[in-house]
Every structure is written in structure tokens, then in C-alpha cells.
All heavy atoms as atom14 arrays in JSON, in Angstrom:
{
  "sequence": "TAMYYCAANVHYNVINLEVATFGYWGQGTQVT",
  "atom14_mask": [
    [1, 1, 1, 1, 1, 1, 1, 0, 0, 0, 0, 0, 0, 0],
    [1, 1, 1, 1, 1, 0, 0, 0, 0, 0, 0, 0, 0, 0],
    [1, 1, 1, 1, 1, 1, 1, 1, 0, 0, 0, 0, 0, 0],
    [1, 1, 1, 1, 1, 1, 1, 1, 1, 1, 1, 1, 0, 0],
    [1, 1, 1, 1, 1, 1, 1, 1, 1, 1, 1, 1, 0, 0],
    [1, 1, 1, 1, 1, 1, 0, 0, 0, 0, 0, 0, 0, 0],
    [1, 1, 1, 1, 1, 0, 0, 0, 0, 0, 0, 0, 0, 0],
    [1, 1, 1, 1, 1, 0, 0, 0, 0, 0, 0, 0, 0, 0],
    [1, 1, 1, 1, 1, 1, 1, 1, 0, 0, 0, 0, 0, 0],
    [1, 1, 1, 1, 1, 1, 1, 0, 0, 0, 0, 0, 0, 0],
    [1, 1, 1, 1, 1, 1, 1, 1, 1, 1, 0, 0, 0, 0],
    [1, 1, 1, 1, 1, 1, 1, 1, 1, 1, 1, 1, 0, 0],
    [1, 1, 1, 1, 1, 1, 1, 1, 0, 0, 0, 0, 0, 0],
    [1, 1, 1, 1, 1, 1, 1, 0, 0, 0, 0, 0, 0, 0],
    [1, 1, 1, 1, 1, 1, 1, 1, 0, 0, 0, 0, 0, 0],
    [1, 1, 1, 1, 1, 1, 1, 1, 0, 0, 0, 0, 0, 0],
    [1, 1, 1, 1, 1, 1, 1, 1, 0, 0, 0, 0, 0, 0],
    [1, 1, 1, 1, 1, 1, 1, 1, 1, 0, 0, 0, 0, 0],
    [1, 1, 1, 1, 1, 1, 1, 0, 0, 0, 0, 0, 0, 0],
    [1, 1, 1, 1, 1, 0, 0, 0, 0, 0, 0, 0, 0, 0],
    [1, 1, 1, 1, 1, 1, 1, 0, 0, 0, 0, 0, 0, 0],
    [1, 1, 1, 1, 1, 1, 1, 1, 1, 1, 1, 0, 0, 0],
    [1, 1, 1, 1, 0, 0, 0, 0, 0, 0, 0, 0, 0, 0],
    [1, 1, 1, 1, 1, 1, 1, 1, 1, 1, 1, 1, 0, 0],
    [1, 1, 1, 1, 1, 1, 1, 1, 1, 1, 1, 1, 1, 1],
    [1, 1, 1, 1, 0, 0, 0, 0, 0, 0, 0, 0, 0, 0],
    [1, 1, 1, 1, 1, 1, 1, 1, 1, 0, 0, 0, 0, 0],
    [1, 1, 1, 1, 0, 0, 0, 0, 0, 0, 0, 0, 0, 0],
    [1, 1, 1, 1, 1, 1, 1, 0, 0, 0, 0, 0, 0, 0],
    [1, 1, 1, 1, 1, 1, 1, 1, 1, 0, 0, 0, 0, 0],
    [1, 1, 1, 1, 1, 1, 1, 0, 0, 0, 0, 0, 0, 0],
    [1, 1, 1, 1, 1, 1, 1, 0, 0, 0, 0, 0, 0, 0]
  ],
  "atom14_positions": [
    [[-25.88, 10.66, 10.6], [-26.43, 11.36, 9.45], [-25.41, 12.35, 8.9], [-24.92, 13.22, 9.62], [-27.72, 12.1, 9.83], [-28.72, 11.14, 10.2], [-28.23, 12.93, 8.66], [0.0, 0.0, 0.0], [0.0, 0.0, 0.0], [0.0, 0.0, 0.0], [0.0, 0.0, 0.0], [0.0, 0.0, 0.0], [0.0, 0.0, 0.0], [0.0, 0.0, 0.0]],
    [[-25.08, 12.21, 7.62], [-24.08, 13.07, 6.99], [-23.96, 12.7, 5.52], [-24.49, 11.68, 5.06], [-22.72, 12.9, 7.67], [0.0, 0.0, 0.0], [0.0, 0.0, 0.0], [0.0, 0.0, 0.0], [0.0, 0.0, 0.0], [0.0, 0.0, 0.0], [0.0, 0.0, 0.0], [0.0, 0.0, 0.0], [0.0, 0.0, 0.0], [0.0, 0.0, 0.0]],
    [[-23.25, 13.54, 4.78], [-22.81, 13.18, 3.45], [-21.51, 12.4, 3.6], [-20.57, 12.87, 4.26], [-22.59, 14.43, 2.6], [-22.23, 14.13, 1.15], [-23.64, 13.52, 0.18], [-24.57, 15.05, -0.02], [0.0, 0.0, 0.0], [0.0, 0.0, 0.0], [0.0, 0.0, 0.0], [0.0, 0.0, 0.0], [0.0, 0.0, 0.0], [0.0, 0.0, 0.0]],
    [[-21.45, 11.23, 3.0], [-20.28, 10.37, 3.11], [-19.48, 10.42, 1.82], [-20.03, 10.28, 0.72], [-20.7, 8.93, 3.4], [-21.09, 8.72, 4.84], [-22.26, 9.27, 5.35], [-20.26, 8.0, 5.7], [-22.6, 9.11, 6.68], [-20.61, 7.82, 7.02], [-21.78, 8.38, 7.51], [-22.11, 8.2, 8.83], [0.0, 0.0, 0.0], [0.0, 0.0, 0.0]],
    [[-18.16, 10.61, 1.95], [-17.28, 10.77, 0.82], [-16.21, 9.69, 0.78], [-15.64, 9.32, 1.82], [-16.57, 12.13, 0.87], [-17.49, 13.32, 0.78], [-18.01, 13.9, 1.93], [-17.83, 13.85, -0.45], [-18.84, 15.0, 1.86], [-18.67, 14.95, -0.53], [-19.17, 15.52, 0.63], [-20.0, 16.61, 0.55], [0.0, 0.0, 0.0], [0.0, 0.0, 0.0]],
    [[-15.91, 9.23, -0.4], [-14.79, 8.34, -0.65], [-13.57, 9.19, -0.98], [-13.67, 10.18, -1.71], [-15.13, 7.41, -1.82], [-13.81, 6.34, -2.38], [0.0, 0.0, 0.0], [0.0, 0.0, 0.0], [0.0, 0.0, 0.0], [0.0, 0.0, 0.0], [0.0, 0.0, 0.0], [0.0, 0.0, 0.0], [0.0, 0.0, 0.0], [0.0, 0.0, 0.0]],
    [[-12.4, 8.81, -0.46], [-11.17, 9.55, -0.7], [-10.02, 8.59, -0.96], [-10.05, 7.44, -0.52], [-10.85, 10.44, 0.5], [0.0, 0.0, 0.0], [0.0, 0.0, 0.0], [0.0, 0.0, 0.0], [0.0, 0.0, 0.0], [0.0, 0.0, 0.0], [0.0, 0.0, 0.0], [0.0, 0.0, 0.0], [0.0, 0.0, 0.0], [0.0, 0.0, 0.0]],
    [[-8.99, 9.08, -1.67], [-7.86, 8.23, -2.02], [-6.55, 9.0, -1.96], [-6.49, 10.2, -2.23], [-8.05, 7.65, -3.42], [0.0, 0.0, 0.0], [0.0, 0.0, 0.0], [0.0, 0.0, 0.0], [0.0, 0.0, 0.0], [0.0, 0.0, 0.0], [0.0, 0.0, 0.0], [0.0, 0.0, 0.0], [0.0, 0.0, 0.0], [0.0, 0.0, 0.0]],
    [[-5.5, 8.28, -1.58], [-4.13, 8.75, -1.64], [-3.41, 7.86, -2.65], [-3.36, 6.64, -2.47], [-3.47, 8.67, -0.26], [-2.06, 9.24, -0.23], [-1.24, 8.94, -1.1], [-1.77, 10.05, 0.77], [0.0, 0.0, 0.0], [0.0, 0.0, 0.0], [0.0, 0.0, 0.0], [0.0, 0.0, 0.0], [0.0, 0.0, 0.0], [0.0, 0.0, 0.0]],
    [[-2.85, 8.46, -3.68], [-2.2, 7.68, -4.74], [-0.69, 7.68, -4.62], [-0.01, 7.09, -5.46], [-2.61, 8.2, -6.13], [-4.12, 8.15, -6.29], [-2.07, 9.6, -6.38], [0.0, 0.0, 0.0], [0.0, 0.0, 0.0], [0.0, 0.0, 0.0], [0.0, 0.0, 0.0], [0.0, 0.0, 0.0], [0.0, 0.0, 0.0], [0.0, 0.0, 0.0]],
    [[-0.13, 8.34, -3.6], [1.31, 8.48, -3.48], [1.93, 7.64, -2.39], [3.0, 7.07, -2.58], [1.68, 9.95, -3.24], [1.24, 10.86, -4.33], [1.79, 10.81, -5.59], [0.29, 11.83, -4.36], [1.21, 11.72, -6.35], [0.3, 12.35, -5.63], [0.0, 0.0, 0.0], [0.0, 0.0, 0.0], [0.0, 0.0, 0.0], [0.0, 0.0, 0.0]],
    [[1.28, 7.53, -1.24], [1.85, 6.86, -0.09], [0.83, 5.97, 0.59], [-0.38, 6.22, 0.52], [2.39, 7.87, 0.93], [3.4, 8.83, 0.34], [3.04, 10.13, 0.03], [4.71, 8.41, 0.11], [3.97, 11.01, -0.5], [5.64, 9.29, -0.43], [5.26, 10.58, -0.73], [6.18, 11.44, -1.27], [0.0, 0.0, 0.0], [0.0, 0.0, 0.0]],
    [[1.35, 4.96, 1.27], [0.51, 4.07, 2.07], [0.38, 4.69, 3.47], [1.02, 4.26, 4.42], [1.12, 2.67, 2.14], [0.28, 1.71, 2.94], [-0.95, 1.79, 2.93], [0.93, 0.79, 3.63], [0.0, 0.0, 0.0], [0.0, 0.0, 0.0], [0.0, 0.0, 0.0], [0.0, 0.0, 0.0], [0.0, 0.0, 0.0], [0.0, 0.0, 0.0]],
    [[-0.46, 5.71, 3.56], [-0.62, 6.46, 4.79], [-1.93, 6.06, 5.47], [-3.0, 6.14, 4.85], [-0.62, 7.97, 4.53], [-0.83, 8.74, 5.82], [0.7, 8.38, 3.88], [0.0, 0.0, 0.0], [0.0, 0.0, 0.0], [0.0, 0.0, 0.0], [0.0, 0.0, 0.0], [0.0, 0.0, 0.0], [0.0, 0.0, 0.0], [0.0, 0.0, 0.0]],
    [[-1.82, 5.65, 6.72], [-2.99, 5.23, 7.48], [-3.31, 6.31, 8.52], [-2.73, 6.34, 9.6], [-2.79, 3.88, 8.16], [-2.41, 2.81, 7.13], [-4.05, 3.47, 8.92], [-3.5, 2.56, 6.1], [0.0, 0.0, 0.0], [0.0, 0.0, 0.0], [0.0, 0.0, 0.0], [0.0, 0.0, 0.0], [0.0, 0.0, 0.0], [0.0, 0.0, 0.0]],
    [[-4.21, 7.19, 8.18], [-4.72, 8.18, 9.11], [-6.06, 8.68, 8.61], [-6.52, 8.28, 7.53], [-3.73, 9.34, 9.34], [-3.46, 10.16, 8.09], [-4.37, 10.47, 7.31], [-2.2, 10.53, 7.89], [0.0, 0.0, 0.0], [0.0, 0.0, 0.0], [0.0, 0.0, 0.0], [0.0, 0.0, 0.0], [0.0, 0.0, 0.0], [0.0, 0.0, 0.0]],
    [[-6.7, 9.55, 9.39], [-8.01, 10.07, 9.04], [-7.97, 11.6, 8.91], [-8.91, 12.29, 9.32], [-9.04, 9.64, 10.09], [-9.35, 8.14, 10.1], [-10.2, 7.76, 11.29], [-10.04, 7.74, 8.8], [0.0, 0.0, 0.0], [0.0, 0.0, 0.0], [0.0, 0.0, 0.0], [0.0, 0.0, 0.0], [0.0, 0.0, 0.0], [0.0, 0.0, 0.0]],
    [[-6.9, 12.09, 8.32], [-6.74, 13.52, 8.11], [-7.16, 13.88, 6.69], [-6.71, 13.27, 5.72], [-5.29, 13.94, 8.34], [-4.78, 13.68, 9.75], [-5.52, 14.51, 10.77], [-5.91, 15.65, 10.45], [-5.71, 14.0, 11.89], [0.0, 0.0, 0.0], [0.0, 0.0, 0.0], [0.0, 0.0, 0.0], [0.0, 0.0, 0.0], [0.0, 0.0, 0.0]],
    [[-7.99, 14.89, 6.57], [-8.49, 15.32, 5.26], [-7.36, 15.65, 4.31], [-7.39, 15.29, 3.13], [-9.44, 16.53, 5.42], [-9.77, 17.12, 4.06], [-10.71, 16.11, 6.14], [0.0, 0.0, 0.0], [0.0, 0.0, 0.0], [0.0, 0.0, 0.0], [0.0, 0.0, 0.0], [0.0, 0.0, 0.0], [0.0, 0.0, 0.0], [0.0, 0.0, 0.0]],
    [[-6.31, 16.32, 4.81], [-5.22, 16.78, 3.96], [-4.41, 15.64, 3.37], [-3.67, 15.85, 2.4], [-4.3, 17.71, 4.77], [0.0, 0.0, 0.0], [0.0, 0.0, 0.0], [0.0, 0.0, 0.0], [0.0, 0.0, 0.0], [0.0, 0.0, 0.0], [0.0, 0.0, 0.0], [0.0, 0.0, 0.0], [0.0, 0.0, 0.0], [0.0, 0.0, 0.0]],
    [[-4.52, 14.47, 3.93], [-3.78, 13.31, 3.43], [-4.3, 12.84, 2.08], [-3.54, 12.27, 1.28], [-3.86, 12.15, 4.44], [-3.21, 12.55, 5.65], [-3.18, 10.9, 3.91], [0.0, 0.0, 0.0], [0.0, 0.0, 0.0], [0.0, 0.0, 0.0], [0.0, 0.0, 0.0], [0.0, 0.0, 0.0], [0.0, 0.0, 0.0], [0.0, 0.0, 0.0]],
    [[-5.55, 13.11, 1.8], [-6.21, 12.53, 0.63], [-6.46, 13.59, -0.43], [-7.16, 14.58, -0.19], [-7.51, 11.84, 1.06], [-7.27, 10.74, 2.05], [-7.27, 11.0, 3.41], [-6.99, 9.46, 1.61], [-7.02, 10.0, 4.32], [-6.73, 8.45, 2.52], [-6.74, 8.72, 3.88], [0.0, 0.0, 0.0], [0.0, 0.0, 0.0], [0.0, 0.0, 0.0]],
    [[-5.91, 13.36, -1.6], [-5.99, 14.34, -2.66], [-7.11, 14.14, -3.66], [-7.36, 15.01, -4.49], [0.0, 0.0, 0.0], [0.0, 0.0, 0.0], [0.0, 0.0, 0.0], [0.0, 0.0, 0.0], [0.0, 0.0, 0.0], [0.0, 0.0, 0.0], [0.0, 0.0, 0.0], [0.0, 0.0, 0.0], [0.0, 0.0, 0.0], [0.0, 0.0, 0.0]],
    [[-7.78, 13.0, -3.59], [-8.85, 12.69, -4.53], [-10.11, 12.32, -3.78], [-10.07, 11.57, -2.81], [-8.42, 11.55, -5.46], [-7.2, 11.9, -6.28], [-5.92, 11.62, -5.8], [-7.32, 12.53, -7.51], [-4.8, 11.96, -6.53], [-6.21, 12.87, -8.25], [-4.94, 12.57, -7.75], [-3.82, 12.91, -8.49], [0.0, 0.0, 0.0], [0.0, 0.0, 0.0]],
    [[-11.23, 12.84, -4.27], [-12.51, 12.69, -3.58], [-13.64, 12.36, -4.55], [-13.64, 12.81, -5.69], [-12.86, 13.99, -2.84], [-11.86, 14.35, -1.8], [-10.69, 15.02, -1.99], [-11.95, 14.05, -0.41], [-10.03, 15.16, -0.79], [-10.78, 14.58, 0.19], [-12.89, 13.41, 0.38], [-10.54, 14.47, 1.56], [-12.65, 13.3, 1.74], [-11.48, 13.83, 2.31]],
    [[-14.59, 11.59, -4.06], [-15.81, 11.35, -4.81], [-16.81, 12.45, -4.59], [-16.56, 13.44, -3.89], [0.0, 0.0, 0.0], [0.0, 0.0, 0.0], [0.0, 0.0, 0.0], [0.0, 0.0, 0.0], [0.0, 0.0, 0.0], [0.0, 0.0, 0.0], [0.0, 0.0, 0.0], [0.0, 0.0, 0.0], [0.0, 0.0, 0.0], [0.0, 0.0, 0.0]],
    [[-17.99, 12.3, -5.18], [-19.01, 13.34, -5.11], [-19.86, 13.27, -3.84], [-20.57, 14.23, -3.53], [-19.92, 13.26, -6.34], [-21.04, 12.22, -6.26], [-20.54, 10.79, -6.35], [-19.41, 10.52, -6.75], [-21.41, 9.84, -5.98], [0.0, 0.0, 0.0], [0.0, 0.0, 0.0], [0.0, 0.0, 0.0], [0.0, 0.0, 0.0], [0.0, 0.0, 0.0]],
    [[-19.81, 12.16, -3.14], [-20.56, 12.0, -1.9], [-21.87, 11.26, -2.09], [-22.48, 11.29, -3.15], [0.0, 0.0, 0.0], [0.0, 0.0, 0.0], [0.0, 0.0, 0.0], [0.0, 0.0, 0.0], [0.0, 0.0, 0.0], [0.0, 0.0, 0.0], [0.0, 0.0, 0.0], [0.0, 0.0, 0.0], [0.0, 0.0, 0.0], [0.0, 0.0, 0.0]],
    [[-22.3, 10.58, -1.03], [-23.6, 9.93, -0.99], [-24.22, 10.19, 0.37], [-23.57, 10.07, 1.4], [-23.47, 8.42, -1.28], [-24.77, 7.82, -1.34], [-22.63, 7.71, -0.22], [0.0, 0.0, 0.0], [0.0, 0.0, 0.0], [0.0, 0.0, 0.0], [0.0, 0.0, 0.0], [0.0, 0.0, 0.0], [0.0, 0.0, 0.0], [0.0, 0.0, 0.0]],
    [[-25.49, 10.56, 0.38], [-26.15, 11.0, 1.61], [-26.65, 9.82, 2.43], [-27.3, 8.91, 1.91], [-27.33, 11.93, 1.27], [-28.11, 12.42, 2.49], [-27.3, 13.36, 3.35], [-26.56, 14.2, 2.84], [-27.43, 13.22, 4.67], [0.0, 0.0, 0.0], [0.0, 0.0, 0.0], [0.0, 0.0, 0.0], [0.0, 0.0, 0.0], [0.0, 0.0, 0.0]],
    [[-26.38, 9.86, 3.73], [-26.9, 8.89, 4.68], [-27.73, 9.64, 5.71], [-27.25, 10.58, 6.34], [-25.77, 8.12, 5.39], [-26.33, 7.26, 6.52], [-25.02, 7.26, 4.39], [0.0, 0.0, 0.0], [0.0, 0.0, 0.0], [0.0, 0.0, 0.0], [0.0, 0.0, 0.0], [0.0, 0.0, 0.0], [0.0, 0.0, 0.0], [0.0, 0.0, 0.0]],
    [[-28.98, 9.23, 5.86], [-29.88, 9.86, 6.82], [-30.45, 8.79, 7.74], [-31.02, 7.8, 7.28], [-31.02, 10.6, 6.11], [-30.48, 11.58, 5.23], [-31.93, 11.28, 7.12], [0.0, 0.0, 0.0], [0.0, 0.0, 0.0], [0.0, 0.0, 0.0], [0.0, 0.0, 0.0], [0.0, 0.0, 0.0], [0.0, 0.0, 0.0], [0.0, 0.0, 0.0]]
  ]
}
């Protein structure tokens, strides 16, 4: 259960799960 967000990196093909890696974000969709 959480708010789920889509994120994107437009500069590099970086494969990790670090928030700072991604500069663009969606508004979120709630999953309960």
C-alpha cells in the first residue's frame, strides 16, 4: 500500500533505484 510514482531519466541509461537519479516525476496513483 502506497502512492506509486512514475519517474524518468532523460540524460543517461542508468539502471538503479535511487530517487536522485530521476529528474522527472508523475503525479502518482494510489494503491491500497
